[in-house]
Amino acid sequence: MPCCALQTQVSKIVQQDPDVAVVTSTIGAGGVTVNQGRLFITLKDFGQRRATGDQVLQRLRKATAKIVDVRAYFQVVQNINIGGRLSRASISTRCGDRTWRS
């Protein structure tokens, strides 16, 4: 099955979770590969959902594990974006100095 169809399957499963507010889906890593995809998932505010973030991710892991040819990795991250670059690391930052000149 093409990567796009598999990504769509995963995205639909995530969107059906009652504690998920928003799902954004992208395919390709840095415009080079099309056999990888990313989902950015926003959960409902804690007062509006029944489960913790970890509990939601456990549910999503179990639900997406049933899709043949897909290995989905879910992790809780803080929603603070400072900068960085695309990588498989859970944390990637880039710092600079205003006085630095090339």
PDB file of N, CA and C in Angstrom:
ATOM      1  N   MET A   1       0.844  -1.179   0.000  1.00  0.00           N
ATOM      2  CA  MET A   1       0.000   0.000   0.000  1.00  0.00           C
ATOM      3  C   MET A   1       0.892   1.245   0.000  1.00  0.00           C
ATOM      4  N   PRO A   2       0.567   2.251  -0.805  1.00  0.00           N
ATOM      5  CA  PRO A   2       1.378   3.469  -0.854  1.00  0.00           C
ATOM      6  C   PRO A   2       1.431   4.173   0.504  1.00  0.00           C
ATOM      7  N   CYS A   3       2.534   4.867   0.735  1.00  0.00           N
ATOM      8  CA  CYS A   3       2.763   5.567   1.999  1.00  0.00           C
ATOM      9  C   CYS A   3       1.628   6.550   2.323  1.00  0.00           C
ATOM     10  N   CYS A   4       1.141   7.246   1.329  1.00  0.00           N
ATOM     11  CA  CYS A   4       0.082   8.235   1.548  1.00  0.00           C
ATOM     12  C   CYS A   4      -1.176   7.580   2.122  1.00  0.00           C
ATOM     13  N   ALA A   5      -1.538   6.412   1.593  1.00  0.00           N
ATOM     14  CA  ALA A   5      -2.725   5.703   2.080  1.00  0.00           C
ATOM     15  C   ALA A   5      -2.518   5.227   3.515  1.00  0.00           C
ATOM     16  N   LEU A   6      -1.308   4.764   3.830  1.00  0.00           N
ATOM     17  CA  LEU A   6      -1.016   4.314   5.190  1.00  0.00           C
ATOM     18  C   LEU A   6      -1.067   5.480   6.171  1.00  0.00           C
ATOM     19  N   GLN A   7      -0.497   6.607   5.763  1.00  0.00           N
ATOM     20  CA  GLN A   7      -0.520   7.799   6.609  1.00  0.00           C
ATOM     21  C   GLN A   7      -1.954   8.250   6.855  1.00  0.00           C
ATOM     22  N   THR A   8      -2.784   8.166   5.846  1.00  0.00           N
ATOM     23  CA  THR A   8      -4.187   8.539   5.985  1.00  0.00           C
ATOM     24  C   THR A   8      -4.892   7.630   6.981  1.00  0.00           C
ATOM     25  N   GLN A   9      -4.582   6.332   6.942  1.00  0.00           N
ATOM     26  CA  GLN A   9      -5.166   5.388   7.893  1.00  0.00           C
ATOM     27  C   GLN A   9      -4.802   5.755   9.326  1.00  0.00           C
ATOM     28  N   VAL A  10      -3.534   6.027   9.551  1.00  0.00           N
ATOM     29  CA  VAL A  10      -3.072   6.395  10.886  1.00  0.00           C
ATOM     30  C   VAL A  10      -3.752   7.688  11.337  1.00  0.00           C
ATOM     31  N   SER A  11      -3.796   8.663  10.459  1.00  0.00           N
ATOM     32  CA  SER A  11      -4.401   9.951  10.781  1.00  0.00           C
ATOM     33  C   SER A  11      -5.876   9.804  11.155  1.00  0.00           C
ATOM     34  N   LYS A  12      -6.599   8.977  10.429  1.00  0.00           N
ATOM     35  CA  LYS A  12      -8.031   8.767  10.726  1.00  0.00           C
ATOM     36  C   LYS A  12      -8.229   8.117  12.087  1.00  0.00           C
ATOM     37  N   ILE A  13      -7.378   7.151  12.418  1.00  0.00           N
ATOM     38  CA  ILE A  13      -7.471   6.507  13.733  1.00  0.00           C
ATOM     39  C   ILE A  13      -7.232   7.532  14.837  1.00  0.00           C
ATOM     40  N   VAL A  14      -6.215   8.358  14.668  1.00  0.00           N
ATOM     41  CA  VAL A  14      -5.892   9.376  15.673  1.00  0.00           C
ATOM     42  C   VAL A  14      -7.038  10.370  15.803  1.00  0.00           C
ATOM     43  N   GLN A  15      -7.605  10.803  14.691  1.00  0.00           N
ATOM     44  CA  GLN A  15      -8.699  11.778  14.717  1.00  0.00           C
ATOM     45  C   GLN A  15      -9.944  11.238  15.411  1.00  0.00           C
ATOM     46  N   GLN A  16     -10.117   9.932  15.410  1.00  0.00           N
ATOM     47  CA  GLN A  16     -11.302   9.325  16.033  1.00  0.00           C
ATOM     48  C   GLN A  16     -11.190   9.243  17.548  1.00  0.00           C
ATOM     49  N   ASP A  17     -10.013   9.442  18.091  1.00  0.00           N
ATOM     50  CA  ASP A  17      -9.857   9.379  19.541  1.00  0.00           C
ATOM     51  C   ASP A  17     -10.614  10.539  20.183  1.00  0.00           C
ATOM     52  N   PRO A  18     -11.404  10.262  21.209  1.00  0.00           N
ATOM     53  CA  PRO A  18     -12.234  11.317  21.801  1.00  0.00           C
ATOM     54  C   PRO A  18     -11.459  12.420  22.511  1.00  0.00           C
ATOM     55  N   ASP A  19     -10.192  12.178  22.833  1.00  0.00           N
ATOM     56  CA  ASP A  19      -9.404  13.189  23.532  1.00  0.00           C
ATOM     57  C   ASP A  19      -8.487  13.992  22.619  1.00  0.00           C
ATOM     58  N   VAL A  20      -8.564  13.752  21.314  1.00  0.00           N
ATOM     59  CA  VAL A  20      -7.736  14.473  20.344  1.00  0.00           C
ATOM     60  C   VAL A  20      -8.528  15.658  19.792  1.00  0.00           C
ATOM     61  N   ALA A  21      -7.894  16.830  19.783  1.00  0.00           N
ATOM     62  CA  ALA A  21      -8.536  18.032  19.248  1.00  0.00           C
ATOM     63  C   ALA A  21      -8.170  18.258  17.788  1.00  0.00           C
ATOM     64  N   VAL A  22      -6.869  18.193  17.456  1.00  0.00           N
ATOM     65  CA  VAL A  22      -6.389  18.528  16.112  1.00  0.00           C
ATOM     66  C   VAL A  22      -5.286  17.555  15.707  1.00  0.00           C
ATOM     67  N   VAL A  23      -5.281  17.174  14.416  1.00  0.00           N
ATOM     68  CA  VAL A  23      -4.211  16.348  13.863  1.00  0.00           C
ATOM     69  C   VAL A  23      -3.706  17.006  12.590  1.00  0.00           C
ATOM     70  N   THR A  24      -2.384  17.177  12.503  1.00  0.00           N
ATOM     71  CA  THR A  24      -1.749  17.669  11.283  1.00  0.00           C
ATOM     72  C   THR A  24      -0.840  16.562  10.782  1.00  0.00           C
ATOM     73  N   SER A  25      -0.923  16.267   9.493  1.00  0.00           N
ATOM     74  CA  SER A  25      -0.183  15.148   8.915  1.00  0.00           C
ATOM     75  C   SER A  25       0.735  15.633   7.804  1.00  0.00           C
ATOM     76  N   THR A  26       1.993  15.175   7.828  1.00  0.00           N
ATOM     77  CA  THR A  26       2.924  15.482   6.747  1.00  0.00           C
ATOM     78  C   THR A  26       3.633  14.196   6.326  1.00  0.00           C
ATOM     79  N   ILE A  27       3.992  14.128   5.062  1.00  0.00           N
ATOM     80  CA  ILE A  27       4.713  12.969   4.535  1.00  0.00           C
ATOM     81  C   ILE A  27       6.039  13.443   3.987  1.00  0.00           C
ATOM     82  N   GLY A  28       7.089  12.680   4.281  1.00  0.00           N
ATOM     83  CA  GLY A  28       8.426  13.023   3.823  1.00  0.00           C
ATOM     84  C   GLY A  28       9.215  13.692   4.924  1.00  0.00           C
ATOM     85  N   ALA A  29      10.497  13.404   4.962  1.00  0.00           N
ATOM     86  CA  ALA A  29      11.372  13.997   5.968  1.00  0.00           C
ATOM     87  C   ALA A  29      12.288  14.987   5.279  1.00  0.00           C
ATOM     88  N   GLY A  30      12.062  16.250   5.475  1.00  0.00           N
ATOM     89  CA  GLY A  30      12.899  17.273   4.888  1.00  0.00           C
ATOM     90  C   GLY A  30      12.806  17.329   3.374  1.00  0.00           C
ATOM     91  N   GLY A  31      11.710  16.825   2.809  1.00  0.00           N
ATOM     92  CA  GLY A  31      11.523  16.854   1.367  1.00  0.00           C
ATOM     93  C   GLY A  31      12.341  15.817   0.619  1.00  0.00           C
ATOM     94  N   VAL A  32      13.008  14.915   1.342  1.00  0.00           N
ATOM     95  CA  VAL A  32      13.884  13.941   0.701  1.00  0.00           C
ATOM     96  C   VAL A  32      13.240  12.569   0.618  1.00  0.00           C
ATOM     97  N   THR A  33      12.643  12.098   1.698  1.00  0.00           N
ATOM     98  CA  THR A  33      12.074  10.754   1.719  1.00  0.00           C
ATOM     99  C   THR A  33      10.560  10.808   1.771  1.00  0.00           C
ATOM    100  N   VAL A  34       9.941   9.854   1.106  1.00  0.00           N
ATOM    101  CA  VAL A  34       8.483   9.776   1.145  1.00  0.00           C
ATOM    102  C   VAL A  34       8.013   8.524   1.875  1.00  0.00           C
ATOM    103  N   ASN A  35       8.929   7.810   2.495  1.00  0.00           N
ATOM    104  CA  ASN A  35       8.528   6.620   3.240  1.00  0.00           C
ATOM    105  C   ASN A  35       8.415   6.890   4.739  1.00  0.00           C
ATOM    106  N   GLN A  36       8.404   8.156   5.124  1.00  0.00           N
ATOM    107  CA  GLN A  36       8.227   8.552   6.513  1.00  0.00           C
ATOM    108  C   GLN A  36       7.169   9.633   6.580  1.00  0.00           C
ATOM    109  N   GLY A  37       6.411   9.598   7.640  1.00  0.00           N
ATOM    110  CA  GLY A  37       5.404  10.621   7.844  1.00  0.00           C
ATOM    111  C   GLY A  37       5.426  11.089   9.284  1.00  0.00           C
ATOM    112  N   ARG A  38       4.838  12.228   9.518  1.00  0.00           N
ATOM    113  CA  ARG A  38       4.740  12.780  10.872  1.00  0.00           C
ATOM    114  C   ARG A  38       3.323  13.246  11.116  1.00  0.00           C
ATOM    115  N   LEU A  39       2.883  13.021  12.332  1.00  0.00           N
ATOM    116  CA  LEU A  39       1.606  13.556  12.779  1.00  0.00           C
ATOM    117  C   LEU A  39       1.891  14.472  13.956  1.00  0.00           C
ATOM    118  N   PHE A  40       1.304  15.628  13.943  1.00  0.00           N
ATOM    119  CA  PHE A  40       1.364  16.534  15.075  1.00  0.00           C
ATOM    120  C   PHE A  40      -0.032  16.532  15.676  1.00  0.00           C
ATOM    121  N   ILE A  41      -0.126  16.073  16.905  1.00  0.00           N
ATOM    122  CA  ILE A  41      -1.419  15.846  17.549  1.00  0.00           C
ATOM    123  C   ILE A  41      -1.576  16.828  18.703  1.00  0.00           C
ATOM    124  N   THR A  42      -2.694  17.525  18.712  1.00  0.00           N
ATOM    125  CA  THR A  42      -3.030  18.417  19.822  1.00  0.00           C
ATOM    126  C   THR A  42      -4.175  17.778  20.588  1.00  0.00           C
ATOM    127  N   LEU A  43      -3.950  17.558  21.871  1.00  0.00           N
ATOM    128  CA  LEU A  43      -5.008  17.000  22.706  1.00  0.00           C
ATOM    129  C   LEU A  43      -5.934  18.110  23.181  1.00  0.00           C
ATOM    130  N   LYS A  44      -7.143  17.720  23.538  1.00  0.00           N
ATOM    131  CA  LYS A  44      -8.066  18.670  24.133  1.00  0.00           C
ATOM    132  C   LYS A  44      -7.494  19.136  25.467  1.00  0.00           C
ATOM    133  N   ASP A  45      -7.914  20.294  25.924  1.00  0.00           N
ATOM    134  CA  ASP A  45      -7.478  20.780  27.232  1.00  0.00           C
ATOM    135  C   ASP A  45      -7.784  19.731  28.285  1.00  0.00           C
ATOM    136  N   PHE A  46      -6.952  19.685  29.319  1.00  0.00           N
ATOM    137  CA  PHE A  46      -7.082  18.637  30.319  1.00  0.00           C
ATOM    138  C   PHE A  46      -8.479  18.573  30.933  1.00  0.00           C
ATOM    139  N   GLY A  47      -9.095  19.698  31.161  1.00  0.00           N
ATOM    140  CA  GLY A  47     -10.448  19.719  31.733  1.00  0.00           C
ATOM    141  C   GLY A  47     -11.518  19.173  30.793  1.00  0.00           C
ATOM    142  N   GLN A  48     -11.199  19.065  29.498  1.00  0.00           N
ATOM    143  CA  GLN A  48     -12.167  18.596  28.501  1.00  0.00           C
ATOM    144  C   GLN A  48     -11.921  17.161  28.066  1.00  0.00           C
ATOM    145  N   ARG A  49     -10.893  16.515  28.601  1.00  0.00           N
ATOM    146  CA  ARG A  49     -10.628  15.137  28.186  1.00  0.00           C
ATOM    147  C   ARG A  49     -10.653  14.203  29.379  1.00  0.00           C
ATOM    148  N   ARG A  50     -10.772  12.920  29.074  1.00  0.00           N
ATOM    149  CA  ARG A  50     -10.914  11.903  30.118  1.00  0.00           C
ATOM    150  C   ARG A  50      -9.587  11.292  30.543  1.00  0.00           C
ATOM    151  N   ALA A  51      -8.540  11.446  29.740  1.00  0.00           N
ATOM    152  CA  ALA A  51      -7.291  10.729  29.982  1.00  0.00           C
ATOM    153  C   ALA A  51      -6.098  11.670  30.002  1.00  0.00           C
ATOM    154  N   THR A  52      -5.001  11.190  30.599  1.00  0.00           N
ATOM    155  CA  THR A  52      -3.753  11.933  30.557  1.00  0.00           C
ATOM    156  C   THR A  52      -3.130  11.765  29.170  1.00  0.00           C
ATOM    157  N   GLY A  53      -2.102  12.553  28.889  1.00  0.00           N
ATOM    158  CA  GLY A  53      -1.409  12.424  27.605  1.00  0.00           C
ATOM    159  C   GLY A  53      -0.833  11.037  27.410  1.00  0.00           C
ATOM    160  N   ASP A  54      -0.239  10.479  28.456  1.00  0.00           N
ATOM    161  CA  ASP A  54       0.332   9.129  28.358  1.00  0.00           C
ATOM    162  C   ASP A  54      -0.743   8.082  28.074  1.00  0.00           C
ATOM    163  N   GLN A  55      -1.888   8.217  28.704  1.00  0.00           N
ATOM    164  CA  GLN A  55      -2.982   7.265  28.468  1.00  0.00           C
ATOM    165  C   GLN A  55      -3.490   7.354  27.025  1.00  0.00           C
ATOM    166  N   VAL A  56      -3.582   8.569  26.508  1.00  0.00           N
ATOM    167  CA  VAL A  56      -4.016   8.741  25.113  1.00  0.00           C
ATOM    168  C   VAL A  56      -3.008   8.078  24.180  1.00  0.00           C
ATOM    169  N   LEU A  57      -1.713   8.315  24.409  1.00  0.00           N
ATOM    170  CA  LEU A  57      -0.697   7.716  23.549  1.00  0.00           C
ATOM    171  C   LEU A  57      -0.714   6.201  23.622  1.00  0.00           C
ATOM    172  N   GLN A  58      -0.961   5.639  24.786  1.00  0.00           N
ATOM    173  CA  GLN A  58      -1.075   4.180  24.896  1.00  0.00           C
ATOM    174  C   GLN A  58      -2.234   3.665  24.046  1.00  0.00           C
ATOM    175  N   ARG A  59      -3.358   4.363  24.084  1.00  0.00           N
ATOM    176  CA  ARG A  59      -4.518   3.982  23.249  1.00  0.00           C
ATOM    177  C   ARG A  59      -4.166   4.058  21.769  1.00  0.00           C
ATOM    178  N   LEU A  60      -3.487   5.143  21.381  1.00  0.00           N
ATOM    179  CA  LEU A  60      -3.139   5.323  19.970  1.00  0.00           C
ATOM    180  C   LEU A  60      -2.122   4.284  19.514  1.00  0.00           C
ATOM    181  N   ARG A  61      -1.169   3.948  20.361  1.00  0.00           N
ATOM    182  CA  ARG A  61      -0.202   2.893  20.020  1.00  0.00           C
ATOM    183  C   ARG A  61      -0.919   1.579  19.754  1.00  0.00           C
ATOM    184  N   LYS A  62      -1.846   1.234  20.612  1.00  0.00           N
ATOM    185  CA  LYS A  62      -2.589  -0.019  20.479  1.00  0.00           C
ATOM    186  C   LYS A  62      -3.440  -0.014  19.203  1.00  0.00           C
ATOM    187  N   ALA A  63      -4.096   1.106  18.927  1.00  0.00           N
ATOM    188  CA  ALA A  63      -4.970   1.196  17.752  1.00  0.00           C
ATOM    189  C   ALA A  63      -4.187   1.162  16.442  1.00  0.00           C
ATOM    190  N   THR A  64      -3.043   1.842  16.400  1.00  0.00           N
ATOM    191  CA  THR A  64      -2.275   1.888  15.150  1.00  0.00           C
ATOM    192  C   THR A  64      -1.419   0.646  14.941  1.00  0.00           C
ATOM    193  N   ALA A  65      -1.191  -0.130  15.984  1.00  0.00           N
ATOM    194  CA  ALA A  65      -0.401  -1.361  15.862  1.00  0.00           C
ATOM    195  C   ALA A  65      -1.094  -2.376  14.951  1.00  0.00           C
ATOM    196  N   LYS A  66      -2.374  -2.229  14.740  1.00  0.00           N
ATOM    197  CA  LYS A  66      -3.141  -3.159  13.908  1.00  0.00           C
ATOM    198  C   LYS A  66      -2.952  -2.908  12.413  1.00  0.00           C
ATOM    199  N   ILE A  67      -2.349  -1.780  12.047  1.00  0.00           N
ATOM    200  CA  ILE A  67      -2.165  -1.447  10.633  1.00  0.00           C
ATOM    201  C   ILE A  67      -0.917  -2.147  10.114  1.00  0.00           C
ATOM    202  N   VAL A  68      -1.085  -2.983   9.121  1.00  0.00           N
ATOM    203  CA  VAL A  68       0.034  -3.707   8.523  1.00  0.00           C
ATOM    204  C   VAL A  68       0.941  -2.714   7.803  1.00  0.00           C
ATOM    205  N   ASP A  69       2.258  -2.910   7.884  1.00  0.00           N
ATOM    206  CA  ASP A  69       3.272  -2.093   7.212  1.00  0.00           C
ATOM    207  C   ASP A  69       3.470  -0.718   7.837  1.00  0.00           C
ATOM    208  N   VAL A  70       2.964  -0.494   9.044  1.00  0.00           N
ATOM    209  CA  VAL A  70       3.159   0.802   9.713  1.00  0.00           C
ATOM    210  C   VAL A  70       3.811   0.566  11.068  1.00  0.00           C
ATOM    211  N   ARG A  71       4.843   1.342  11.339  1.00  0.00           N
ATOM    212  CA  ARG A  71       5.447   1.396  12.669  1.00  0.00           C
ATOM    213  C   ARG A  71       5.281   2.820  13.168  1.00  0.00           C
ATOM    214  N   ALA A  72       4.377   3.016  14.080  1.00  0.00           N
ATOM    215  CA  ALA A  72       4.097   4.353  14.605  1.00  0.00           C
ATOM    216  C   ALA A  72       4.773   4.519  15.960  1.00  0.00           C
ATOM    217  N   TYR A  73       5.464   5.640  16.136  1.00  0.00           N
ATOM    218  CA  TYR A  73       6.142   5.966  17.385  1.00  0.00           C
ATOM    219  C   TYR A  73       5.511   7.235  17.926  1.00  0.00           C
ATOM    220  N   PHE A  74       4.945   7.145  19.097  1.00  0.00           N
ATOM    221  CA  PHE A  74       4.307   8.301  19.718  1.00  0.00           C
ATOM    222  C   PHE A  74       5.137   8.730  20.914  1.00  0.00           C
ATOM    223  N   GLN A  75       5.256  10.030  21.098  1.00  0.00           N
ATOM    224  CA  GLN A  75       5.950  10.551  22.271  1.00  0.00           C
ATOM    225  C   GLN A  75       5.328  11.875  22.674  1.00  0.00           C
ATOM    226  N   VAL A  76       5.303  12.104  23.963  1.00  0.00           N
ATOM    227  CA  VAL A  76       4.797  13.357  24.498  1.00  0.00           C
ATOM    228  C   VAL A  76       5.918  14.388  24.411  1.00  0.00           C
ATOM    229  N   VAL A  77       5.607  15.545  23.851  1.00  0.00           N
ATOM    230  CA  VAL A  77       6.575  16.635  23.779  1.00  0.00           C
ATOM    231  C   VAL A  77       5.909  17.910  24.262  1.00  0.00           C
ATOM    232  N   GLN A  78       6.724  18.829  24.741  1.00  0.00           N
ATOM    233  CA  GLN A  78       6.196  20.130  25.126  1.00  0.00           C
ATOM    234  C   GLN A  78       5.952  20.940  23.867  1.00  0.00           C
ATOM    235  N   ASN A  79       4.960  21.775  23.895  1.00  0.00           N
ATOM    236  CA  ASN A  79       4.640  22.572  22.712  1.00  0.00           C
ATOM    237  C   ASN A  79       5.339  23.926  22.722  1.00  0.00           C
ATOM    238  N   ILE A  80       6.630  23.885  22.968  1.00  0.00           N
ATOM    239  CA  ILE A  80       7.457  25.087  22.909  1.00  0.00           C
ATOM    240  C   ILE A  80       8.416  24.908  21.744  1.00  0.00           C
ATOM    241  N   ASN A  81       8.330  25.757  20.743  1.00  0.00           N
ATOM    242  CA  ASN A  81       9.208  25.674  19.583  1.00  0.00           C
ATOM    243  C   ASN A  81      10.161  26.857  19.593  1.00  0.00           C
ATOM    244  N   ILE A  82      11.448  26.561  19.694  1.00  0.00           N
ATOM    245  CA  ILE A  82      12.458  27.605  19.737  1.00  0.00           C
ATOM    246  C   ILE A  82      13.236  27.644  18.428  1.00  0.00           C
ATOM    247  N   GLY A  83      13.297  26.550  17.755  1.00  0.00           N
ATOM    248  CA  GLY A  83      14.087  26.437  16.537  1.00  0.00           C
ATOM    249  C   GLY A  83      14.722  25.071  16.505  1.00  0.00           C
ATOM    250  N   GLY A  84      15.408  24.775  15.491  1.00  0.00           N
ATOM    251  CA  GLY A  84      16.058  23.476  15.402  1.00  0.00           C
ATOM    252  C   GLY A  84      16.030  22.968  13.986  1.00  0.00           C
ATOM    253  N   ARG A  85      16.197  21.673  13.870  1.00  0.00           N
ATOM    254  CA  ARG A  85      16.201  21.058  12.554  1.00  0.00           C
ATOM    255  C   ARG A  85      15.543  19.698  12.645  1.00  0.00           C
ATOM    256  N   LEU A  86      15.186  19.150  11.518  1.00  0.00           N
ATOM    257  CA  LEU A  86      14.524  17.863  11.452  1.00  0.00           C
ATOM    258  C   LEU A  86      15.493  16.761  11.845  1.00  0.00           C
ATOM    259  N   SER A  87      15.102  15.932  12.810  1.00  0.00           N
ATOM    260  CA  SER A  87      15.923  14.791  13.208  1.00  0.00           C
ATOM    261  C   SER A  87      15.039  13.780  13.916  1.00  0.00           C
ATOM    262  N   ARG A  88      15.595  12.610  14.176  1.00  0.00           N
ATOM    263  CA  ARG A  88      14.851  11.582  14.898  1.00  0.00           C
ATOM    264  C   ARG A  88      14.996  11.725  16.407  1.00  0.00           C
ATOM    265  N   ALA A  89      15.759  12.684  16.846  1.00  0.00           N
ATOM    266  CA  ALA A  89      15.962  12.900  18.275  1.00  0.00           C
ATOM    267  C   ALA A  89      14.698  13.480  18.893  1.00  0.00           C
ATOM    268  N   SER A  90      14.479  13.178  20.159  1.00  0.00           N
ATOM    269  CA  SER A  90      13.304  13.722  20.830  1.00  0.00           C
ATOM    270  C   SER A  90      13.469  15.207  21.127  1.00  0.00           C
ATOM    271  N   ILE A  91      14.707  15.667  21.209  1.00  0.00           N
ATOM    272  CA  ILE A  91      14.970  17.088  21.445  1.00  0.00           C
ATOM    273  C   ILE A  91      16.057  17.546  20.476  1.00  0.00           C
ATOM    274  N   SER A  92      15.801  18.631  19.782  1.00  0.00           N
ATOM    275  CA  SER A  92      16.794  19.185  18.875  1.00  0.00           C
ATOM    276  C   SER A  92      16.692  20.700  18.942  1.00  0.00           C
ATOM    277  N   THR A  93      17.760  21.363  19.326  1.00  0.00           N
ATOM    278  CA  THR A  93      17.729  22.824  19.414  1.00  0.00           C
ATOM    279  C   THR A  93      18.921  23.417  18.690  1.00  0.00           C
ATOM    280  N   ARG A  94      18.791  24.667  18.351  1.00  0.00           N
ATOM    281  CA  ARG A  94      19.876  25.386  17.701  1.00  0.00           C
ATOM    282  C   ARG A  94      19.984  26.737  18.384  1.00  0.00           C
ATOM    283  N   CYS A  95      21.182  27.089  18.785  1.00  0.00           N
ATOM    284  CA  CYS A  95      21.402  28.361  19.460  1.00  0.00           C
ATOM    285  C   CYS A  95      22.361  29.218  18.657  1.00  0.00           C
ATOM    286  N   GLY A  96      22.242  30.497  18.783  1.00  0.00           N
ATOM    287  CA  GLY A  96      23.137  31.394  18.082  1.00  0.00           C
ATOM    288  C   GLY A  96      23.481  32.600  18.929  1.00  0.00           C
ATOM    289  N   ASP A  97      24.471  33.291  18.490  1.00  0.00           N
ATOM    290  CA  ASP A  97      24.935  34.488  19.181  1.00  0.00           C
ATOM    291  C   ASP A  97      24.744  35.657  18.220  1.00  0.00           C
ATOM    292  N   ARG A  98      24.119  36.731  18.680  1.00  0.00           N
ATOM    293  CA  ARG A  98      23.851  37.875  17.806  1.00  0.00           C
ATOM    294  C   ARG A  98      25.122  38.528  17.298  1.00  0.00           C
ATOM    295  N   THR A  99      26.222  38.370  18.017  1.00  0.00           N
ATOM    296  CA  THR A  99      27.464  39.010  17.584  1.00  0.00           C
ATOM    297  C   THR A  99      28.265  38.147  16.620  1.00  0.00           C
ATOM    298  N   TRP A 100      27.842  36.937  16.372  1.00  0.00           N
ATOM    299  CA  TRP A 100      28.568  36.031  15.475  1.00  0.00           C
ATOM    300  C   TRP A 100      28.395  36.471  14.035  1.00  0.00           C
ATOM    301  N   ARG A 101      29.479  36.463  13.285  1.00  0.00           N
ATOM    302  CA  ARG A 101      29.433  36.864  11.865  1.00  0.00           C
ATOM    303  C   ARG A 101      30.031  35.746  11.040  1.00  0.00           C
ATOM    304  N   SER A 102      29.459  35.518   9.880  1.00  0.00           N
ATOM    305  CA  SER A 102      29.989  34.453   8.999  1.00  0.00           C
ATOM    306  C   SER A 102      31.089  34.974   8.117  1.00  0.00           C
TER     307      SER A 102
END
